[in-house]
PDB file of all heavy atoms in Angstrom:
ATOM      1  N   ASN A   1      64.869 163.534  80.649  1.00  0.00           N
ATOM      2  CA  ASN A   1      63.505 163.063  80.786  1.00  0.00           C
ATOM      3  C   ASN A   1      62.530 163.949  80.059  1.00  0.00           C
ATOM      4  O   ASN A   1      62.630 165.175  80.087  1.00  0.00           O
ATOM      5  CB  ASN A   1      63.103 162.993  82.250  1.00  0.00           C
ATOM      6  CG  ASN A   1      63.870 161.939  83.018  1.00  0.00           C
ATOM      7  OD1 ASN A   1      64.838 162.262  83.606  1.00  0.00           O
ATOM      8  ND2 ASN A   1      63.397 160.744  82.927  1.00  0.00           N
ATOM      9  N   ALA A   2      61.541 163.309  79.505  1.00  0.00           N
ATOM     10  CA  ALA A   2      60.360 164.050  79.022  1.00  0.00           C
ATOM     11  C   ALA A   2      59.570 164.426  80.291  1.00  0.00           C
ATOM     12  O   ALA A   2      59.417 163.676  81.213  1.00  0.00           O
ATOM     13  CB  ALA A   2      59.515 163.197  78.096  1.00  0.00           C
ATOM     14  N   MET A   3      59.150 165.671  80.319  1.00  0.00           N
ATOM     15  CA  MET A   3      58.477 166.226  81.440  1.00  0.00           C
ATOM     16  C   MET A   3      57.066 166.762  81.025  1.00  0.00           C
ATOM     17  O   MET A   3      56.910 167.253  79.889  1.00  0.00           O
ATOM     18  CB  MET A   3      59.219 167.413  82.069  1.00  0.00           C
ATOM     19  CG  MET A   3      60.626 167.010  82.551  1.00  0.00           C
ATOM     20  SD  MET A   3      60.576 165.847  83.883  1.00  0.00           S
ATOM     21  CE  MET A   3      59.828 166.811  85.151  1.00  0.00           C
ATOM     22  N   GLY A   4      56.129 166.648  81.901  1.00  0.00           N
ATOM     23  CA  GLY A   4      54.804 167.106  81.567  1.00  0.00           C
ATOM     24  C   GLY A   4      54.100 167.737  82.756  1.00  0.00           C
ATOM     25  O   GLY A   4      54.417 167.557  83.929  1.00  0.00           O
ATOM     26  N   TRP A   5      53.137 168.628  82.415  1.00  0.00           N
ATOM     27  CA  TRP A   5      52.184 169.166  83.407  1.00  0.00           C
ATOM     28  C   TRP A   5      50.806 168.603  83.123  1.00  0.00           C
ATOM     29  O   TRP A   5      50.371 168.562  81.934  1.00  0.00           O
ATOM     30  CB  TRP A   5      52.158 170.673  83.192  1.00  0.00           C
ATOM     31  CG  TRP A   5      53.364 171.387  83.822  1.00  0.00           C
ATOM     32  CD1 TRP A   5      54.503 171.844  83.175  1.00  0.00           C
ATOM     33  CD2 TRP A   5      53.595 171.743  85.179  1.00  0.00           C
ATOM     34  NE1 TRP A   5      55.353 172.458  83.995  1.00  0.00           N
ATOM     35  CE2 TRP A   5      54.831 172.355  85.277  1.00  0.00           C
ATOM     36  CE3 TRP A   5      52.861 171.526  86.349  1.00  0.00           C
ATOM     37  CZ2 TRP A   5      55.336 172.848  86.433  1.00  0.00           C
ATOM     38  CZ3 TRP A   5      53.395 172.044  87.523  1.00  0.00           C
ATOM     39  CH2 TRP A   5      54.657 172.673  87.593  1.00  0.00           C
ATOM     40  N   TYR A   6      50.146 168.267  84.233  1.00  0.00           N
ATOM     41  CA  TYR A   6      48.748 167.805  84.155  1.00  0.00           C
ATOM     42  C   TYR A   6      47.970 168.579  85.187  1.00  0.00           C
ATOM     43  O   TYR A   6      48.545 169.250  86.054  1.00  0.00           O
ATOM     44  CB  TYR A   6      48.763 166.335  84.513  1.00  0.00           C
ATOM     45  CG  TYR A   6      49.380 165.429  83.521  1.00  0.00           C
ATOM     46  CD1 TYR A   6      50.725 165.365  83.354  1.00  0.00           C
ATOM     47  CD2 TYR A   6      48.606 164.618  82.651  1.00  0.00           C
ATOM     48  CE1 TYR A   6      51.377 164.513  82.438  1.00  0.00           C
ATOM     49  CE2 TYR A   6      49.173 163.830  81.702  1.00  0.00           C
ATOM     50  CZ  TYR A   6      50.572 163.762  81.618  1.00  0.00           C
ATOM     51  OH  TYR A   6      51.102 162.976  80.627  1.00  0.00           O
ATOM     52  N   ARG A   7      46.698 168.509  85.122  1.00  0.00           N
ATOM     53  CA  ARG A   7      45.854 169.183  86.072  1.00  0.00           C
ATOM     54  C   ARG A   7      44.599 168.315  86.399  1.00  0.00           C
ATOM     55  O   ARG A   7      44.166 167.544  85.559  1.00  0.00           O
ATOM     56  CB  ARG A   7      45.472 170.574  85.627  1.00  0.00           C
ATOM     57  CG  ARG A   7      44.517 170.624  84.450  1.00  0.00           C
ATOM     58  CD  ARG A   7      44.295 172.048  84.027  1.00  0.00           C
ATOM     59  NE  ARG A   7      43.342 172.222  82.961  1.00  0.00           N
ATOM     60  CZ  ARG A   7      43.026 173.290  82.311  1.00  0.00           C
ATOM     61  NH1 ARG A   7      43.674 174.432  82.607  1.00  0.00           N
ATOM     62  NH2 ARG A   7      42.098 173.290  81.360  1.00  0.00           N
ATOM     63  N   GLN A   8      44.013 168.476  87.506  1.00  0.00           N
ATOM     64  CA  GLN A   8      42.819 167.845  87.920  1.00  0.00           C
ATOM     65  C   GLN A   8      41.919 168.776  88.682  1.00  0.00           C
ATOM     66  O   GLN A   8      42.291 169.263  89.796  1.00  0.00           O
ATOM     67  CB  GLN A   8      43.162 166.606  88.776  1.00  0.00           C
ATOM     68  CG  GLN A   8      41.903 165.715  89.036  1.00  0.00           C
ATOM     69  CD  GLN A   8      42.367 164.355  89.532  1.00  0.00           C
ATOM     70  OE1 GLN A   8      43.433 164.132  90.038  1.00  0.00           O
ATOM     71  NE2 GLN A   8      41.461 163.384  89.442  1.00  0.00           N
ATOM     72  N   ALA A   9      40.734 169.019  88.124  1.00  0.00           N
ATOM     73  CA  ALA A   9      39.747 169.823  88.789  1.00  0.00           C
ATOM     74  C   ALA A   9      38.893 168.946  89.609  1.00  0.00           C
ATOM     75  O   ALA A   9      38.703 167.737  89.343  1.00  0.00           O
ATOM     76  CB  ALA A   9      38.950 170.524  87.686  1.00  0.00           C
ATOM     77  N   PRO A  10      38.163 169.500  90.637  1.00  0.00           N
ATOM     78  CA  PRO A  10      37.286 168.726  91.482  1.00  0.00           C
ATOM     79  C   PRO A  10      36.256 167.954  90.624  1.00  0.00           C
ATOM     80  O   PRO A  10      35.594 168.553  89.742  1.00  0.00           O
ATOM     81  CB  PRO A  10      36.653 169.730  92.360  1.00  0.00           C
ATOM     82  CG  PRO A  10      37.620 170.854  92.380  1.00  0.00           C
ATOM     83  CD  PRO A  10      38.267 170.928  91.035  1.00  0.00           C
ATOM     84  N   GLY A  11      36.197 166.670  90.846  1.00  0.00           N
ATOM     85  CA  GLY A  11      35.120 165.892  90.271  1.00  0.00           C
ATOM     86  C   GLY A  11      35.466 165.506  88.796  1.00  0.00           C
ATOM     87  O   GLY A  11      34.626 164.886  88.118  1.00  0.00           O
ATOM     88  N   LYS A  12      36.658 165.810  88.305  1.00  0.00           N
ATOM     89  CA  LYS A  12      37.047 165.533  86.945  1.00  0.00           C
ATOM     90  C   LYS A  12      38.305 164.644  86.915  1.00  0.00           C
ATOM     91  O   LYS A  12      39.040 164.595  87.914  1.00  0.00           O
ATOM     92  CB  LYS A  12      37.313 166.833  86.138  1.00  0.00           C
ATOM     93  CG  LYS A  12      36.047 167.643  85.962  1.00  0.00           C
ATOM     94  CD  LYS A  12      36.357 168.896  85.038  1.00  0.00           C
ATOM     95  CE  LYS A  12      35.086 169.674  84.810  1.00  0.00           C
ATOM     96  NZ  LYS A  12      35.306 170.799  83.890  1.00  0.00           N
ATOM     97  N   GLU A  13      38.555 164.045  85.793  1.00  0.00           N
ATOM     98  CA  GLU A  13      39.698 163.228  85.609  1.00  0.00           C
ATOM     99  C   GLU A  13      40.971 164.174  85.377  1.00  0.00           C
ATOM    100  O   GLU A  13      40.851 165.318  85.024  1.00  0.00           O
ATOM    101  CB  GLU A  13      39.550 162.259  84.455  1.00  0.00           C
ATOM    102  CG  GLU A  13      38.473 161.223  84.706  1.00  0.00           C
ATOM    103  CD  GLU A  13      38.442 160.147  83.588  1.00  0.00           C
ATOM    104  OE1 GLU A  13      39.235 160.274  82.596  1.00  0.00           O
ATOM    105  OE2 GLU A  13      37.708 159.192  83.708  1.00  0.00           O
ATOM    106  N   ARG A  14      42.085 163.541  85.729  1.00  0.00           N
ATOM    107  CA  ARG A  14      43.352 164.263  85.506  1.00  0.00           C
ATOM    108  C   ARG A  14      43.493 164.511  84.011  1.00  0.00           C
ATOM    109  O   ARG A  14      43.275 163.566  83.190  1.00  0.00           O
ATOM    110  CB  ARG A  14      44.545 163.493  86.034  1.00  0.00           C
ATOM    111  CG  ARG A  14      45.766 164.285  86.161  1.00  0.00           C
ATOM    112  CD  ARG A  14      46.830 163.627  87.006  1.00  0.00           C
ATOM    113  NE  ARG A  14      46.440 163.568  88.376  1.00  0.00           N
ATOM    114  CZ  ARG A  14      47.229 163.136  89.346  1.00  0.00           C
ATOM    115  NH1 ARG A  14      48.554 162.856  89.135  1.00  0.00           N
ATOM    116  NH2 ARG A  14      46.820 163.108  90.579  1.00  0.00           N
ATOM    117  N   GLU A  15      43.937 165.699  83.622  1.00  0.00           N
ATOM    118  CA  GLU A  15      44.026 166.123  82.246  1.00  0.00           C
ATOM    119  C   GLU A  15      45.387 166.571  81.818  1.00  0.00           C
ATOM    120  O   GLU A  15      46.080 167.237  82.619  1.00  0.00           O
ATOM    121  CB  GLU A  15      43.041 167.311  82.055  1.00  0.00           C
ATOM    122  CG  GLU A  15      43.080 167.996  80.677  1.00  0.00           C
ATOM    123  CD  GLU A  15      42.409 169.339  80.605  1.00  0.00           C
ATOM    124  OE1 GLU A  15      42.158 169.876  81.761  1.00  0.00           O
ATOM    125  OE2 GLU A  15      41.990 169.772  79.558  1.00  0.00           O
ATOM    126  N   TRP A  16      45.902 166.127  80.709  1.00  0.00           N
ATOM    127  CA  TRP A  16      47.231 166.524  80.247  1.00  0.00           C
ATOM    128  C   TRP A  16      47.163 167.951  79.800  1.00  0.00           C
ATOM    129  O   TRP A  16      46.243 168.386  79.053  1.00  0.00           O
ATOM    130  CB  TRP A  16      47.655 165.620  79.088  1.00  0.00           C
ATOM    131  CG  TRP A  16      48.888 166.136  78.382  1.00  0.00           C
ATOM    132  CD1 TRP A  16      50.137 166.295  78.834  1.00  0.00           C
ATOM    133  CD2 TRP A  16      48.862 166.600  76.976  1.00  0.00           C
ATOM    134  NE1 TRP A  16      50.979 166.737  77.869  1.00  0.00           N
ATOM    135  CE2 TRP A  16      50.199 166.951  76.692  1.00  0.00           C
ATOM    136  CE3 TRP A  16      47.911 166.695  76.017  1.00  0.00           C
ATOM    137  CZ2 TRP A  16      50.607 167.414  75.480  1.00  0.00           C
ATOM    138  CZ3 TRP A  16      48.315 167.105  74.732  1.00  0.00           C
ATOM    139  CH2 TRP A  16      49.614 167.590  74.516  1.00  0.00           C
ATOM    140  N   VAL A  17      48.157 168.752  80.184  1.00  0.00           N
ATOM    141  CA  VAL A  17      48.230 170.178  79.867  1.00  0.00           C
ATOM    142  C   VAL A  17      49.284 170.446  78.807  1.00  0.00           C
ATOM    143  O   VAL A  17      49.038 171.102  77.783  1.00  0.00           O
ATOM    144  CB  VAL A  17      48.467 170.984  81.112  1.00  0.00           C
ATOM    145  CG1 VAL A  17      48.610 172.513  80.750  1.00  0.00           C
ATOM    146  CG2 VAL A  17      47.347 170.833  82.101  1.00  0.00           C
ATOM    147  N   ALA A  18      50.497 170.008  79.072  1.00  0.00           N
ATOM    148  CA  ALA A  18      51.613 170.364  78.246  1.00  0.00           C
ATOM    149  C   ALA A  18      52.799 169.411  78.526  1.00  0.00           C
ATOM    150  O   ALA A  18      52.870 168.847  79.618  1.00  0.00           O
ATOM    151  CB  ALA A  18      52.039 171.803  78.476  1.00  0.00           C
ATOM    152  N   SER A  19      53.672 169.244  77.510  1.00  0.00           N
ATOM    153  CA  SER A  19      54.839 168.398  77.745  1.00  0.00           C
ATOM    154  C   SER A  19      56.024 169.010  76.981  1.00  0.00           C
ATOM    155  O   SER A  19      55.913 169.707  76.020  1.00  0.00           O
ATOM    156  CB  SER A  19      54.528 166.978  77.325  1.00  0.00           C
ATOM    157  OG  SER A  19      54.215 166.941  75.983  1.00  0.00           O
ATOM    158  N   ILE A  20      57.191 168.594  77.401  1.00  0.00           N
ATOM    159  CA  ILE A  20      58.440 169.035  76.802  1.00  0.00           C
ATOM    160  C   ILE A  20      59.464 167.841  76.869  1.00  0.00           C
ATOM    161  O   ILE A  20      59.510 167.219  77.864  1.00  0.00           O
ATOM    162  CB  ILE A  20      58.994 170.254  77.498  1.00  0.00           C
ATOM    163  CG1 ILE A  20      60.235 170.783  76.727  1.00  0.00           C
ATOM    164  CG2 ILE A  20      59.333 170.022  78.937  1.00  0.00           C
ATOM    165  CD1 ILE A  20      60.704 172.141  77.201  1.00  0.00           C
ATOM    166  N   ASN A  21      60.128 167.580  75.754  1.00  0.00           N
ATOM    167  CA  ASN A  21      61.058 166.428  75.783  1.00  0.00           C
ATOM    168  C   ASN A  21      62.472 166.940  76.004  1.00  0.00           C
ATOM    169  O   ASN A  21      62.705 168.164  76.213  1.00  0.00           O
ATOM    170  CB  ASN A  21      60.855 165.559  74.550  1.00  0.00           C
ATOM    171  CG  ASN A  21      61.455 166.267  73.269  1.00  0.00           C
ATOM    172  OD1 ASN A  21      61.957 167.385  73.329  1.00  0.00           O
ATOM    173  ND2 ASN A  21      61.206 165.650  72.161  1.00  0.00           N
ATOM    174  N   ARG A  22      63.426 166.044  75.991  1.00  0.00           N
ATOM    175  CA  ARG A  22      64.812 166.388  76.276  1.00  0.00           C
ATOM    176  C   ARG A  22      65.355 167.321  75.194  1.00  0.00           C
ATOM    177  O   ARG A  22      66.344 168.051  75.475  1.00  0.00           O
ATOM    178  CB  ARG A  22      65.670 165.108  76.339  1.00  0.00           C
ATOM    179  CG  ARG A  22      65.784 164.305  75.136  1.00  0.00           C
ATOM    180  CD  ARG A  22      66.606 163.074  75.397  1.00  0.00           C
ATOM    181  NE  ARG A  22      66.725 162.290  74.155  1.00  0.00           N
ATOM    182  CZ  ARG A  22      67.689 162.431  73.232  1.00  0.00           C
ATOM    183  NH1 ARG A  22      68.610 163.365  73.447  1.00  0.00           N
ATOM    184  NH2 ARG A  22      67.692 161.699  72.164  1.00  0.00           N
ATOM    185  N   LEU A  23      64.758 167.377  74.023  1.00  0.00           N
ATOM    186  CA  LEU A  23      65.225 168.280  72.962  1.00  0.00           C
ATOM    187  C   LEU A  23      64.487 169.578  73.005  1.00  0.00           C
ATOM    188  O   LEU A  23      64.625 170.406  72.092  1.00  0.00           O
ATOM    189  CB  LEU A  23      65.077 167.607  71.574  1.00  0.00           C
ATOM    190  CG  LEU A  23      65.841 166.290  71.430  1.00  0.00           C
ATOM    191  CD1 LEU A  23      65.561 165.700  70.017  1.00  0.00           C
ATOM    192  CD2 LEU A  23      67.338 166.556  71.574  1.00  0.00           C
ATOM    193  N   ARG A  24      63.677 169.764  74.027  1.00  0.00           N
ATOM    194  CA  ARG A  24      62.849 170.979  74.245  1.00  0.00           C
ATOM    195  C   ARG A  24      61.695 171.138  73.236  1.00  0.00           C
ATOM    196  O   ARG A  24      61.229 172.212  72.965  1.00  0.00           O
ATOM    197  CB  ARG A  24      63.763 172.249  74.256  1.00  0.00           C
ATOM    198  CG  ARG A  24      64.770 172.202  75.236  1.00  0.00           C
ATOM    199  CD  ARG A  24      65.671 173.431  75.310  1.00  0.00           C
ATOM    200  NE  ARG A  24      66.814 173.340  76.198  1.00  0.00           N
ATOM    201  CZ  ARG A  24      66.806 173.600  77.481  1.00  0.00           C
ATOM    202  NH1 ARG A  24      65.701 174.086  78.017  1.00  0.00           N
ATOM    203  NH2 ARG A  24      67.956 173.512  78.188  1.00  0.00           N
ATOM    204  N   LEU A  25      61.381 170.027  72.598  1.00  0.00           N
ATOM    205  CA  LEU A  25      60.162 170.030  71.788  1.00  0.00           C
ATOM    206  C   LEU A  25      58.952 169.999  72.667  1.00  0.00           C
ATOM    207  O   LEU A  25      58.907 169.237  73.592  1.00  0.00           O
ATOM    208  CB  LEU A  25      60.156 168.843  70.829  1.00  0.00           C
ATOM    209  CG  LEU A  25      61.252 168.811  69.805  1.00  0.00           C
ATOM    210  CD1 LEU A  25      61.234 167.522  68.928  1.00  0.00           C
ATOM    211  CD2 LEU A  25      61.185 169.965  68.823  1.00  0.00           C
TER     212      LEU A  25
END
């Protein structure tokens, strides 16, 4: 699976932080 980290600060929309695919890219 491609995996990702996201974050959400109070009052803000969820934001993409980083991702890694099955090939570790």
